[in-house]
């Protein structure tokens, strides 16, 4: 920013910073990157750690529950079966009726879902790994997705004059919580951001 008194950043929204996320590697706990394309689809996302060379694709997190729910063609009573946590779709299941014992082949309904890492704090939307840039400021958690996101927040906090960049929508910086934008926290927020950028 050329003039610290006036904010002149881009009129971005939070989604503008959601193509790459700096996270804690699940293996070595160093900084890793979750990268994804512009689309809402997370299937192309990938986790890469430069420190330990660990990598993981979002497709590896997809699991399927194979479900059969129908009436037995022999006795007419209900048959219900669920085979959970399959890495691939199941095309056919041989099941015996719990009532009459007859064995039939069924085509199950495969319901897809994604696995996530366990994380109680802010994480990326694909793997749910802890964000690399996070710190506590006066008892409230501060976080950012990546360096670009963090630097834009810093540019906004430094500025004493914060004019709207567009009237068409609310920008990312205009949605920042009060504990980040209030003047009394300015020096502490900037100090925290600088410390995070040195990680």
N, C-alpha and C. Protein backbone atom coordinates (compact mmCIF):
# COMPACT_ATOMS: atom_id res chain seq x y z
N UNK A 1 0.84 -1.18 0.00
CA UNK A 1 0.00 0.00 0.00
C UNK A 1 0.89 1.24 0.00
N UNK A 2 0.65 2.15 -0.93
CA UNK A 2 1.53 3.30 -1.08
C UNK A 2 1.34 4.30 0.05
N UNK A 3 0.09 4.56 0.43
CA UNK A 3 -0.19 5.53 1.48
C UNK A 3 -0.85 4.80 2.63
N UNK A 4 -0.18 4.78 3.78
CA UNK A 4 -0.71 4.04 4.93
C UNK A 4 -1.97 4.65 5.50
N UNK A 5 -2.28 5.91 5.15
CA UNK A 5 -3.47 6.56 5.68
C UNK A 5 -4.74 6.12 4.95
N UNK A 6 -4.62 5.70 3.72
CA UNK A 6 -5.80 5.36 2.92
C UNK A 6 -5.73 3.92 2.42
N UNK A 7 -6.81 3.17 2.65
CA UNK A 7 -6.88 1.81 2.13
C UNK A 7 -7.35 1.84 0.69
N UNK A 8 -6.58 1.21 -0.20
CA UNK A 8 -6.96 1.18 -1.62
C UNK A 8 -6.83 -0.23 -2.17
N UNK A 9 -7.20 -1.20 -1.35
CA UNK A 9 -7.08 -2.59 -1.76
C UNK A 9 -8.14 -3.00 -2.76
N UNK A 10 -8.05 -4.22 -3.26
CA UNK A 10 -9.03 -4.71 -4.24
C UNK A 10 -10.36 -5.00 -3.57
N UNK A 11 -11.43 -4.93 -4.34
CA UNK A 11 -12.77 -5.20 -3.83
C UNK A 11 -13.04 -6.70 -3.86
N UNK A 12 -12.29 -7.43 -3.03
CA UNK A 12 -12.40 -8.89 -3.03
C UNK A 12 -13.38 -9.38 -1.97
N UNK A 13 -13.85 -10.60 -2.17
CA UNK A 13 -14.68 -11.28 -1.17
C UNK A 13 -13.85 -12.45 -0.63
N UNK A 14 -14.33 -13.09 0.42
CA UNK A 14 -13.55 -14.16 1.06
C UNK A 14 -13.24 -15.29 0.08
N UNK A 15 -14.15 -15.55 -0.86
CA UNK A 15 -13.93 -16.62 -1.84
C UNK A 15 -12.72 -16.32 -2.73
N UNK A 16 -12.36 -15.06 -2.86
CA UNK A 16 -11.20 -14.68 -3.68
C UNK A 16 -9.89 -15.26 -3.14
N UNK A 17 -9.89 -15.64 -1.86
CA UNK A 17 -8.68 -16.15 -1.21
C UNK A 17 -8.75 -17.66 -0.96
N UNK A 18 -9.72 -18.32 -1.60
CA UNK A 18 -9.96 -19.73 -1.30
C UNK A 18 -9.48 -20.70 -2.38
N UNK A 19 -8.42 -20.35 -3.09
CA UNK A 19 -7.82 -21.27 -4.07
C UNK A 19 -6.62 -22.01 -3.49
N UNK A 20 -6.03 -21.44 -2.45
CA UNK A 20 -4.90 -22.09 -1.79
C UNK A 20 -4.97 -21.79 -0.30
N UNK A 21 -4.70 -22.81 0.51
CA UNK A 21 -4.76 -22.68 1.96
C UNK A 21 -3.45 -23.18 2.55
N UNK A 22 -2.86 -22.39 3.43
CA UNK A 22 -1.68 -22.84 4.15
C UNK A 22 -2.17 -23.51 5.43
N UNK A 23 -1.76 -24.78 5.60
CA UNK A 23 -2.26 -25.59 6.71
C UNK A 23 -1.11 -26.30 7.42
N UNK A 24 -1.43 -26.93 8.53
CA UNK A 24 -0.45 -27.74 9.25
C UNK A 24 -0.45 -29.14 8.66
N UNK A 25 0.71 -29.60 8.23
CA UNK A 25 0.83 -30.93 7.64
C UNK A 25 0.44 -31.99 8.66
N UNK A 26 -0.40 -32.96 8.29
CA UNK A 26 -0.81 -34.00 9.24
C UNK A 26 0.32 -34.95 9.62
N UNK A 27 1.40 -34.95 8.85
CA UNK A 27 2.53 -35.85 9.14
C UNK A 27 3.61 -35.17 9.97
N UNK A 28 4.14 -34.06 9.47
CA UNK A 28 5.31 -33.44 10.12
C UNK A 28 4.99 -32.17 10.90
N UNK A 29 3.75 -31.68 10.79
CA UNK A 29 3.28 -30.48 11.51
C UNK A 29 3.91 -29.18 11.02
N UNK A 30 4.62 -29.25 9.86
CA UNK A 30 5.14 -28.03 9.25
C UNK A 30 4.08 -27.47 8.29
N UNK A 31 4.42 -26.36 7.65
CA UNK A 31 3.47 -25.71 6.74
C UNK A 31 3.30 -26.52 5.46
N UNK A 32 2.05 -26.76 5.09
CA UNK A 32 1.70 -27.46 3.85
C UNK A 32 0.66 -26.63 3.10
N UNK A 33 0.43 -26.99 1.85
CA UNK A 33 -0.50 -26.23 1.02
C UNK A 33 -1.63 -27.12 0.52
N UNK A 34 -2.84 -26.63 0.67
CA UNK A 34 -4.00 -27.26 0.04
C UNK A 34 -4.37 -26.37 -1.13
N UNK A 35 -4.25 -26.90 -2.33
CA UNK A 35 -4.57 -26.11 -3.52
C UNK A 35 -5.79 -26.69 -4.21
N UNK A 36 -6.62 -25.80 -4.75
CA UNK A 36 -7.81 -26.23 -5.48
C UNK A 36 -8.09 -25.24 -6.59
N UNK A 37 -8.91 -25.65 -7.55
CA UNK A 37 -9.24 -24.78 -8.68
C UNK A 37 -10.27 -23.73 -8.30
N UNK A 38 -10.72 -23.00 -9.28
CA UNK A 38 -11.66 -21.91 -9.07
C UNK A 38 -13.08 -22.41 -8.80
N UNK A 39 -13.39 -23.62 -9.23
CA UNK A 39 -14.77 -24.11 -9.14
C UNK A 39 -15.13 -24.46 -7.70
N UNK A 40 -16.44 -24.66 -7.47
CA UNK A 40 -16.92 -25.05 -6.15
C UNK A 40 -16.59 -26.52 -5.88
N UNK A 41 -16.26 -27.27 -6.91
CA UNK A 41 -15.95 -28.70 -6.77
C UNK A 41 -14.60 -28.86 -6.08
N UNK A 42 -14.57 -29.67 -5.03
CA UNK A 42 -13.33 -29.88 -4.27
C UNK A 42 -12.56 -31.09 -4.76
N UNK A 43 -13.09 -31.79 -5.76
CA UNK A 43 -12.48 -33.05 -6.20
C UNK A 43 -11.07 -32.87 -6.74
N UNK A 44 -10.74 -31.69 -7.26
CA UNK A 44 -9.41 -31.47 -7.83
C UNK A 44 -8.40 -30.99 -6.78
N UNK A 45 -8.81 -30.88 -5.52
CA UNK A 45 -7.94 -30.34 -4.47
C UNK A 45 -6.83 -31.33 -4.10
N UNK A 46 -5.69 -30.75 -3.70
CA UNK A 46 -4.54 -31.58 -3.35
C UNK A 46 -3.80 -30.95 -2.17
N UNK A 47 -3.34 -31.80 -1.25
CA UNK A 47 -2.51 -31.40 -0.13
C UNK A 47 -1.07 -31.74 -0.45
N UNK A 48 -0.16 -30.75 -0.27
CA UNK A 48 1.27 -30.98 -0.54
C UNK A 48 2.10 -30.34 0.56
N UNK A 49 3.05 -31.12 1.09
CA UNK A 49 3.98 -30.59 2.08
C UNK A 49 5.38 -30.57 1.49
N UNK A 50 5.99 -29.39 1.46
CA UNK A 50 7.35 -29.26 0.93
C UNK A 50 8.39 -29.78 1.92
N UNK A 51 8.03 -29.85 3.20
CA UNK A 51 8.98 -30.27 4.22
C UNK A 51 9.20 -31.79 4.20
N UNK A 52 8.10 -32.57 4.21
CA UNK A 52 8.25 -34.04 4.29
C UNK A 52 7.80 -34.74 3.00
N UNK A 53 7.41 -33.94 1.99
CA UNK A 53 6.97 -34.46 0.68
C UNK A 53 5.69 -35.29 0.74
N UNK A 54 4.92 -35.13 1.81
CA UNK A 54 3.64 -35.84 1.89
C UNK A 54 2.63 -35.17 0.97
N UNK A 55 1.84 -35.98 0.28
CA UNK A 55 0.78 -35.42 -0.56
C UNK A 55 -0.46 -36.30 -0.47
N UNK A 56 -1.59 -35.68 -0.71
CA UNK A 56 -2.86 -36.39 -0.62
C UNK A 56 -3.86 -35.67 -1.53
N UNK A 57 -4.64 -36.44 -2.28
CA UNK A 57 -5.67 -35.88 -3.15
C UNK A 57 -7.01 -35.95 -2.45
N UNK A 58 -7.89 -35.00 -2.73
CA UNK A 58 -9.22 -34.98 -2.13
C UNK A 58 -10.01 -36.23 -2.48
N UNK A 59 -9.74 -36.81 -3.65
CA UNK A 59 -10.45 -38.02 -4.06
C UNK A 59 -10.17 -39.20 -3.12
N UNK A 60 -9.03 -39.15 -2.42
CA UNK A 60 -8.70 -40.22 -1.48
C UNK A 60 -9.58 -40.18 -0.23
N UNK A 61 -10.28 -39.07 -0.04
CA UNK A 61 -11.14 -38.92 1.13
C UNK A 61 -12.58 -39.35 0.86
N UNK A 62 -12.89 -39.66 -0.39
CA UNK A 62 -14.27 -40.04 -0.73
C UNK A 62 -14.54 -41.47 -0.29
N UNK A 63 -15.66 -41.67 0.40
CA UNK A 63 -16.12 -42.99 0.81
C UNK A 63 -17.58 -43.15 0.39
N UNK A 64 -18.02 -44.41 0.37
CA UNK A 64 -19.40 -44.71 -0.04
C UNK A 64 -20.07 -45.63 0.98
N UNK A 65 -21.32 -45.33 1.26
CA UNK A 65 -22.17 -46.25 2.00
C UNK A 65 -23.05 -46.96 0.98
N UNK A 66 -22.93 -48.29 0.91
CA UNK A 66 -23.77 -49.08 0.00
C UNK A 66 -25.01 -49.51 0.77
N UNK A 67 -26.18 -49.11 0.26
CA UNK A 67 -27.43 -49.35 0.98
C UNK A 67 -28.42 -50.13 0.11
N UNK A 68 -28.99 -51.19 0.70
CA UNK A 68 -30.07 -51.95 0.06
C UNK A 68 -31.28 -51.84 0.98
N UNK A 69 -32.39 -51.39 0.41
CA UNK A 69 -33.62 -51.25 1.18
C UNK A 69 -34.77 -51.60 0.25
N UNK A 70 -35.31 -52.84 0.41
CA UNK A 70 -36.39 -53.29 -0.48
C UNK A 70 -37.11 -54.49 0.14
N UNK A 71 -38.13 -54.93 -0.53
CA UNK A 71 -38.89 -56.09 -0.06
C UNK A 71 -38.34 -57.35 -0.71
N UNK A 72 -38.29 -58.42 0.06
CA UNK A 72 -37.84 -59.73 -0.45
C UNK A 72 -38.83 -60.21 -1.52
N UNK A 73 -38.30 -60.67 -2.65
CA UNK A 73 -39.19 -61.13 -3.72
C UNK A 73 -39.75 -62.53 -3.46
N UNK A 74 -39.31 -63.13 -2.37
CA UNK A 74 -39.83 -64.46 -2.02
C UNK A 74 -40.93 -64.38 -0.95
N UNK A 75 -40.62 -63.69 0.17
CA UNK A 75 -41.60 -63.63 1.27
C UNK A 75 -42.27 -62.27 1.41
N UNK A 76 -41.75 -61.26 0.73
CA UNK A 76 -42.36 -59.94 0.75
C UNK A 76 -41.98 -59.07 1.95
N UNK A 77 -41.17 -59.58 2.85
CA UNK A 77 -40.78 -58.81 4.03
C UNK A 77 -39.56 -57.92 3.72
N UNK A 78 -39.36 -56.93 4.58
CA UNK A 78 -38.33 -55.92 4.33
C UNK A 78 -36.91 -56.47 4.49
N UNK A 79 -36.06 -56.08 3.54
CA UNK A 79 -34.63 -56.37 3.62
C UNK A 79 -33.91 -55.03 3.68
N UNK A 80 -33.11 -54.85 4.72
CA UNK A 80 -32.33 -53.63 4.86
C UNK A 80 -30.89 -54.00 5.17
N UNK A 81 -29.95 -53.44 4.40
CA UNK A 81 -28.53 -53.70 4.63
C UNK A 81 -27.73 -52.46 4.30
N UNK A 82 -26.68 -52.24 5.08
CA UNK A 82 -25.79 -51.09 4.84
C UNK A 82 -24.36 -51.56 5.00
N UNK A 83 -23.56 -51.37 3.96
CA UNK A 83 -22.13 -51.67 3.99
C UNK A 83 -21.41 -50.32 3.98
N UNK A 84 -20.90 -49.87 5.13
CA UNK A 84 -20.32 -48.52 5.21
C UNK A 84 -18.85 -48.46 4.82
N UNK A 85 -18.41 -47.21 4.58
CA UNK A 85 -16.98 -46.87 4.46
C UNK A 85 -16.25 -47.63 3.36
N UNK A 86 -16.82 -47.63 2.16
CA UNK A 86 -16.19 -48.29 1.01
C UNK A 86 -15.41 -47.26 0.20
N UNK A 87 -14.20 -47.61 -0.22
CA UNK A 87 -13.40 -46.70 -1.03
C UNK A 87 -13.93 -46.58 -2.46
N UNK A 88 -14.64 -47.60 -2.92
CA UNK A 88 -15.23 -47.57 -4.26
C UNK A 88 -16.69 -47.98 -4.18
N UNK A 89 -17.43 -47.63 -5.21
CA UNK A 89 -18.84 -48.00 -5.24
C UNK A 89 -18.99 -49.51 -5.40
N UNK A 90 -19.96 -50.06 -4.70
CA UNK A 90 -20.27 -51.49 -4.81
C UNK A 90 -21.38 -51.65 -5.83
N UNK A 91 -21.13 -52.46 -6.84
CA UNK A 91 -22.10 -52.63 -7.92
C UNK A 91 -23.15 -53.69 -7.62
N UNK A 92 -22.75 -54.70 -6.83
CA UNK A 92 -23.67 -55.79 -6.57
C UNK A 92 -23.41 -56.41 -5.21
N UNK A 93 -24.49 -56.78 -4.51
CA UNK A 93 -24.38 -57.41 -3.19
C UNK A 93 -25.24 -58.67 -3.15
N UNK A 94 -24.68 -59.74 -2.66
CA UNK A 94 -25.46 -60.96 -2.43
C UNK A 94 -25.91 -60.97 -0.97
N UNK A 95 -27.22 -60.91 -0.77
CA UNK A 95 -27.78 -60.85 0.57
C UNK A 95 -28.82 -61.95 0.77
N UNK A 96 -28.84 -62.47 1.98
CA UNK A 96 -29.88 -63.44 2.32
C UNK A 96 -30.98 -62.72 3.11
N UNK A 97 -32.19 -63.06 2.83
CA UNK A 97 -33.33 -62.46 3.52
C UNK A 97 -33.30 -62.92 4.98
N UNK A 98 -33.37 -61.99 5.94
CA UNK A 98 -33.34 -62.37 7.36
C UNK A 98 -34.59 -63.12 7.81
N UNK A 99 -35.63 -63.12 6.97
CA UNK A 99 -36.89 -63.74 7.34
C UNK A 99 -37.04 -65.15 6.75
N UNK A 100 -36.74 -65.29 5.43
CA UNK A 100 -36.93 -66.60 4.79
C UNK A 100 -35.62 -67.27 4.40
N UNK A 101 -34.50 -66.50 4.44
CA UNK A 101 -33.19 -67.08 4.17
C UNK A 101 -32.79 -67.18 2.71
N UNK A 102 -33.68 -66.82 1.79
CA UNK A 102 -33.34 -66.93 0.37
C UNK A 102 -32.27 -65.89 0.01
N UNK A 103 -31.31 -66.28 -0.82
CA UNK A 103 -30.19 -65.41 -1.22
C UNK A 103 -30.48 -64.82 -2.58
N UNK A 104 -30.32 -63.50 -2.67
CA UNK A 104 -30.54 -62.79 -3.93
C UNK A 104 -29.40 -61.79 -4.14
N UNK A 105 -29.24 -61.39 -5.39
CA UNK A 105 -28.25 -60.37 -5.75
C UNK A 105 -28.97 -59.03 -5.91
N UNK A 106 -28.43 -58.01 -5.28
CA UNK A 106 -29.05 -56.68 -5.32
C UNK A 106 -28.04 -55.62 -5.77
N UNK A 107 -28.56 -54.59 -6.44
CA UNK A 107 -27.74 -53.43 -6.79
C UNK A 107 -27.98 -52.37 -5.73
N UNK A 108 -26.98 -52.11 -4.90
CA UNK A 108 -27.19 -51.13 -3.82
C UNK A 108 -27.13 -49.69 -4.32
N UNK A 109 -27.67 -48.82 -3.51
CA UNK A 109 -27.55 -47.38 -3.75
C UNK A 109 -26.27 -46.95 -3.02
N UNK A 110 -25.34 -46.32 -3.75
CA UNK A 110 -24.07 -45.87 -3.17
C UNK A 110 -24.15 -44.39 -2.85
N UNK A 111 -24.05 -44.07 -1.56
CA UNK A 111 -24.13 -42.67 -1.14
C UNK A 111 -22.72 -42.21 -0.76
N UNK A 112 -22.25 -41.20 -1.49
CA UNK A 112 -20.89 -40.70 -1.29
C UNK A 112 -20.83 -39.70 -0.13
N UNK A 113 -19.70 -39.71 0.57
CA UNK A 113 -19.41 -38.71 1.60
C UNK A 113 -17.90 -38.56 1.70
N UNK A 114 -17.47 -37.48 2.34
CA UNK A 114 -16.03 -37.20 2.46
C UNK A 114 -15.56 -37.39 3.90
N UNK A 115 -14.38 -37.95 4.05
CA UNK A 115 -13.72 -38.01 5.35
C UNK A 115 -13.02 -36.68 5.60
N UNK A 116 -12.84 -36.32 6.86
CA UNK A 116 -12.12 -35.11 7.23
C UNK A 116 -11.17 -35.42 8.37
N UNK A 117 -10.13 -34.61 8.48
CA UNK A 117 -9.25 -34.70 9.64
C UNK A 117 -9.97 -34.09 10.85
N UNK A 118 -9.68 -34.62 12.03
CA UNK A 118 -10.28 -34.06 13.25
C UNK A 118 -9.57 -32.77 13.60
N UNK A 119 -10.34 -31.71 13.74
CA UNK A 119 -9.78 -30.40 14.02
C UNK A 119 -10.89 -29.53 14.59
N UNK A 120 -10.70 -29.02 15.79
CA UNK A 120 -11.74 -28.22 16.44
C UNK A 120 -11.64 -26.73 16.13
N UNK A 121 -10.52 -26.30 15.53
CA UNK A 121 -10.33 -24.89 15.21
C UNK A 121 -10.60 -24.61 13.74
N UNK A 122 -10.21 -23.42 13.26
CA UNK A 122 -10.41 -23.10 11.85
C UNK A 122 -9.54 -23.96 10.95
N UNK A 123 -10.14 -24.49 9.89
CA UNK A 123 -9.41 -25.36 8.97
C UNK A 123 -9.79 -25.09 7.54
N UNK A 124 -9.08 -25.72 6.63
CA UNK A 124 -9.41 -25.57 5.22
C UNK A 124 -10.70 -26.34 4.93
N UNK A 125 -11.45 -25.96 3.88
CA UNK A 125 -12.74 -26.59 3.61
C UNK A 125 -12.66 -27.96 2.95
N UNK A 126 -11.48 -28.41 2.57
CA UNK A 126 -11.35 -29.71 1.89
C UNK A 126 -10.96 -30.81 2.87
N UNK A 127 -9.83 -30.63 3.57
CA UNK A 127 -9.31 -31.65 4.47
C UNK A 127 -9.61 -31.35 5.95
N UNK A 128 -9.97 -30.10 6.24
CA UNK A 128 -10.22 -29.63 7.61
C UNK A 128 -8.94 -29.66 8.45
N UNK A 129 -7.81 -29.43 7.82
CA UNK A 129 -6.54 -29.34 8.56
C UNK A 129 -6.41 -27.95 9.18
N UNK A 130 -5.74 -27.83 10.34
CA UNK A 130 -5.61 -26.53 11.00
C UNK A 130 -4.91 -25.52 10.09
N UNK A 131 -5.47 -24.32 10.04
CA UNK A 131 -4.84 -23.25 9.25
C UNK A 131 -3.50 -22.89 9.86
N UNK A 132 -2.52 -22.62 9.01
CA UNK A 132 -1.17 -22.28 9.46
C UNK A 132 -1.15 -20.91 10.12
N UNK A 133 -1.92 -19.99 9.55
CA UNK A 133 -1.97 -18.63 10.09
C UNK A 133 -3.15 -18.50 11.06
N UNK A 134 -2.87 -18.70 12.33
CA UNK A 134 -3.87 -18.45 13.36
C UNK A 134 -3.18 -18.10 14.66
N UNK A 135 -3.81 -17.19 15.40
CA UNK A 135 -3.26 -16.73 16.68
C UNK A 135 -4.38 -16.11 17.49
N UNK A 136 -4.17 -16.03 18.78
CA UNK A 136 -5.16 -15.43 19.66
C UNK A 136 -4.84 -13.96 19.86
N UNK A 137 -5.87 -13.12 19.73
CA UNK A 137 -5.73 -11.69 19.98
C UNK A 137 -6.78 -11.29 21.02
N UNK A 138 -6.31 -10.96 22.20
CA UNK A 138 -7.19 -10.57 23.31
C UNK A 138 -8.32 -11.59 23.52
N UNK A 139 -7.97 -12.87 23.50
CA UNK A 139 -8.92 -13.92 23.79
C UNK A 139 -9.80 -14.36 22.63
N UNK A 140 -9.58 -13.78 21.45
CA UNK A 140 -10.36 -14.15 20.26
C UNK A 140 -9.42 -14.68 19.19
N UNK A 141 -9.85 -15.73 18.52
CA UNK A 141 -9.00 -16.37 17.51
C UNK A 141 -8.99 -15.58 16.20
N UNK A 142 -7.78 -15.27 15.76
CA UNK A 142 -7.56 -14.58 14.48
C UNK A 142 -6.97 -15.59 13.51
N UNK A 143 -7.42 -15.59 12.25
CA UNK A 143 -6.89 -16.54 11.27
C UNK A 143 -6.95 -15.95 9.86
N UNK A 144 -6.16 -16.57 8.98
CA UNK A 144 -6.18 -16.21 7.55
C UNK A 144 -5.86 -17.46 6.74
N UNK A 145 -6.38 -17.51 5.52
CA UNK A 145 -6.20 -18.69 4.66
C UNK A 145 -4.79 -18.82 4.11
N UNK A 146 -4.19 -17.68 3.71
CA UNK A 146 -2.87 -17.71 3.06
C UNK A 146 -2.21 -16.34 3.19
N UNK A 147 -1.02 -16.19 2.60
CA UNK A 147 -0.27 -14.93 2.73
C UNK A 147 -1.01 -13.75 2.08
N UNK A 148 -1.61 -13.99 0.94
CA UNK A 148 -2.35 -12.92 0.26
C UNK A 148 -3.50 -12.42 1.14
N UNK A 149 -4.22 -13.35 1.73
CA UNK A 149 -5.32 -13.01 2.63
C UNK A 149 -4.80 -12.23 3.84
N UNK A 150 -3.73 -12.74 4.43
CA UNK A 150 -3.15 -12.10 5.62
C UNK A 150 -2.63 -10.70 5.31
N UNK A 151 -1.96 -10.53 4.19
CA UNK A 151 -1.43 -9.21 3.80
C UNK A 151 -2.54 -8.21 3.52
N UNK A 152 -3.64 -8.68 2.94
CA UNK A 152 -4.76 -7.76 2.65
C UNK A 152 -5.42 -7.29 3.94
N UNK A 153 -5.52 -8.20 4.91
CA UNK A 153 -6.05 -7.80 6.22
C UNK A 153 -5.12 -6.76 6.85
N UNK A 154 -3.81 -6.99 6.75
CA UNK A 154 -2.84 -6.05 7.31
C UNK A 154 -2.96 -4.68 6.65
N UNK A 155 -3.09 -4.65 5.33
CA UNK A 155 -3.24 -3.37 4.62
C UNK A 155 -4.45 -2.59 5.11
N UNK A 156 -5.51 -3.32 5.38
CA UNK A 156 -6.75 -2.68 5.84
C UNK A 156 -6.60 -2.16 7.27
N UNK A 157 -5.96 -2.96 8.12
CA UNK A 157 -5.80 -2.58 9.53
C UNK A 157 -4.89 -1.36 9.65
N UNK A 158 -3.83 -1.31 8.85
CA UNK A 158 -2.88 -0.18 8.90
C UNK A 158 -3.55 1.13 8.51
N UNK A 159 -4.46 1.05 7.54
CA UNK A 159 -5.08 2.28 7.01
C UNK A 159 -5.94 2.99 8.04
N UNK A 160 -5.84 4.31 8.06
CA UNK A 160 -6.67 5.11 8.96
C UNK A 160 -7.93 5.58 8.24
N UNK A 161 -7.87 5.65 6.92
CA UNK A 161 -9.04 6.01 6.11
C UNK A 161 -9.45 4.78 5.31
N UNK A 162 -10.64 4.27 5.57
CA UNK A 162 -11.09 3.02 4.94
C UNK A 162 -12.37 3.28 4.14
N UNK A 163 -12.20 3.63 2.90
CA UNK A 163 -13.35 3.90 2.03
C UNK A 163 -13.84 2.61 1.39
N UNK A 164 -15.12 2.58 1.07
CA UNK A 164 -15.68 1.41 0.39
C UNK A 164 -15.10 1.31 -1.01
N UNK A 165 -14.76 0.09 -1.42
CA UNK A 165 -14.17 -0.13 -2.75
C UNK A 165 -15.25 -0.36 -3.81
N UNK A 166 -16.42 -0.79 -3.37
CA UNK A 166 -17.55 -1.00 -4.29
C UNK A 166 -18.84 -0.90 -3.50
N UNK A 167 -19.90 -0.46 -4.19
CA UNK A 167 -21.22 -0.40 -3.56
C UNK A 167 -22.07 -1.60 -3.95
N UNK A 168 -21.52 -2.47 -4.78
CA UNK A 168 -22.28 -3.61 -5.31
C UNK A 168 -22.40 -4.76 -4.31
N UNK A 169 -21.41 -4.91 -3.42
CA UNK A 169 -21.42 -6.00 -2.45
C UNK A 169 -20.50 -5.65 -1.29
N UNK A 170 -20.57 -6.41 -0.22
CA UNK A 170 -19.70 -6.20 0.93
C UNK A 170 -18.41 -6.97 0.72
N UNK A 171 -17.30 -6.29 0.81
CA UNK A 171 -16.01 -6.91 0.54
C UNK A 171 -15.50 -7.69 1.76
N UNK A 172 -14.42 -8.45 1.54
CA UNK A 172 -13.84 -9.27 2.61
C UNK A 172 -13.44 -8.41 3.80
N UNK A 173 -12.75 -7.30 3.55
CA UNK A 173 -12.25 -6.47 4.65
C UNK A 173 -13.39 -5.79 5.42
N UNK A 174 -14.49 -5.51 4.73
CA UNK A 174 -15.63 -4.89 5.41
C UNK A 174 -16.35 -5.87 6.34
N UNK A 175 -16.11 -7.15 6.14
CA UNK A 175 -16.73 -8.17 6.98
C UNK A 175 -15.82 -8.61 8.14
N UNK A 176 -14.64 -8.02 8.24
CA UNK A 176 -13.74 -8.40 9.33
C UNK A 176 -14.37 -8.06 10.68
N UNK A 177 -14.18 -8.93 11.68
CA UNK A 177 -14.75 -8.66 13.00
C UNK A 177 -14.16 -7.42 13.65
N UNK A 178 -14.89 -6.85 14.58
CA UNK A 178 -14.50 -5.59 15.23
C UNK A 178 -13.15 -5.68 15.94
N UNK A 179 -12.84 -6.83 16.54
CA UNK A 179 -11.58 -6.92 17.30
C UNK A 179 -10.36 -6.75 16.38
N UNK A 180 -10.54 -6.97 15.08
CA UNK A 180 -9.45 -6.78 14.12
C UNK A 180 -9.37 -5.33 13.65
N UNK A 181 -10.52 -4.70 13.44
CA UNK A 181 -10.55 -3.38 12.80
C UNK A 181 -10.56 -2.21 13.78
N UNK A 182 -10.83 -2.46 15.05
CA UNK A 182 -10.88 -1.35 16.00
C UNK A 182 -9.51 -0.71 16.18
N UNK A 183 -9.50 0.61 16.31
CA UNK A 183 -8.24 1.37 16.39
C UNK A 183 -7.40 0.98 17.60
N UNK A 184 -8.05 0.65 18.72
CA UNK A 184 -7.28 0.34 19.94
C UNK A 184 -6.48 -0.95 19.81
N UNK A 185 -6.89 -1.83 18.89
CA UNK A 185 -6.16 -3.09 18.68
C UNK A 185 -5.19 -3.04 17.50
N UNK A 186 -5.10 -1.89 16.81
CA UNK A 186 -4.33 -1.80 15.57
C UNK A 186 -2.90 -2.31 15.73
N UNK A 187 -2.18 -1.79 16.70
CA UNK A 187 -0.76 -2.18 16.84
C UNK A 187 -0.62 -3.66 17.20
N UNK A 188 -1.50 -4.17 18.04
CA UNK A 188 -1.44 -5.58 18.44
C UNK A 188 -1.76 -6.49 17.25
N UNK A 189 -2.76 -6.13 16.45
CA UNK A 189 -3.12 -6.93 15.27
C UNK A 189 -1.97 -6.94 14.27
N UNK A 190 -1.38 -5.78 14.02
CA UNK A 190 -0.25 -5.70 13.07
C UNK A 190 0.94 -6.52 13.57
N UNK A 191 1.22 -6.43 14.87
CA UNK A 191 2.31 -7.20 15.47
C UNK A 191 2.04 -8.70 15.32
N UNK A 192 0.81 -9.11 15.52
CA UNK A 192 0.43 -10.52 15.40
C UNK A 192 0.57 -10.99 13.95
N UNK A 193 0.13 -10.16 13.02
CA UNK A 193 0.22 -10.51 11.60
C UNK A 193 1.68 -10.64 11.18
N UNK A 194 2.51 -9.70 11.59
CA UNK A 194 3.94 -9.76 11.26
C UNK A 194 4.60 -11.03 11.81
N UNK A 195 4.19 -11.41 13.02
CA UNK A 195 4.73 -12.62 13.63
C UNK A 195 4.29 -13.85 12.84
N UNK A 196 3.04 -13.87 12.40
CA UNK A 196 2.54 -15.00 11.59
C UNK A 196 3.26 -15.08 10.25
N UNK A 197 3.52 -13.93 9.64
CA UNK A 197 4.20 -13.91 8.34
C UNK A 197 5.64 -14.42 8.43
N UNK A 198 6.22 -14.36 9.63
CA UNK A 198 7.59 -14.85 9.82
C UNK A 198 7.63 -16.35 10.12
N UNK A 199 6.48 -16.99 10.31
CA UNK A 199 6.43 -18.44 10.64
C UNK A 199 7.10 -19.27 9.56
